[in-house]
């Protein structure tokens, strides 16, 4: 939690001229206070923790001869994680509807695609942005490759966020 706060404060300072107030809350018991009046909620959870859940996500498929390289987003391991995570994220969305109905949910929770689709389709919450570190990392590496020549522009449409590197 502390590392996340430090990163968010650095982004706020370096990109946003300290216009946002960064407040951290840990645990479900603090969610209502966190959501009250929020304009953005950043969600990064792992339901069940690494042990036993993530380990089990790999071990059960392996026991039956199924090999997977990524157990938190794809394949049977991703489905296991989705089954644990989606009910929790839908509870979060219900609290947001009550306490911050105009806020955006920025979800950095795997399996990103399944979680985001569940929020939009079953939680009826269209103000959700699902993030995955792989495309973000690739785009930032591309930005580094051009030596930061020109601005990094973010385009947001109804369905897609795209980063454009301008020279």
Foldseek 3Di string as FASTA:
>chain_A
DVVVQVVVVVCCVPPVVVPDDDDDDDDPVCLLVVLAADQEAEAEDQQPDCPPLLVVLQVVCVVVPDHDDDQFADDSSVVSRCVRVQVVVLVSLVSNCVRPVNHAYEYAYPVQVSNQCCCVPVSVRQRYHGDYVPVVVVVVVVCVVVVVPADWDWDDDSPDIDTDRDD
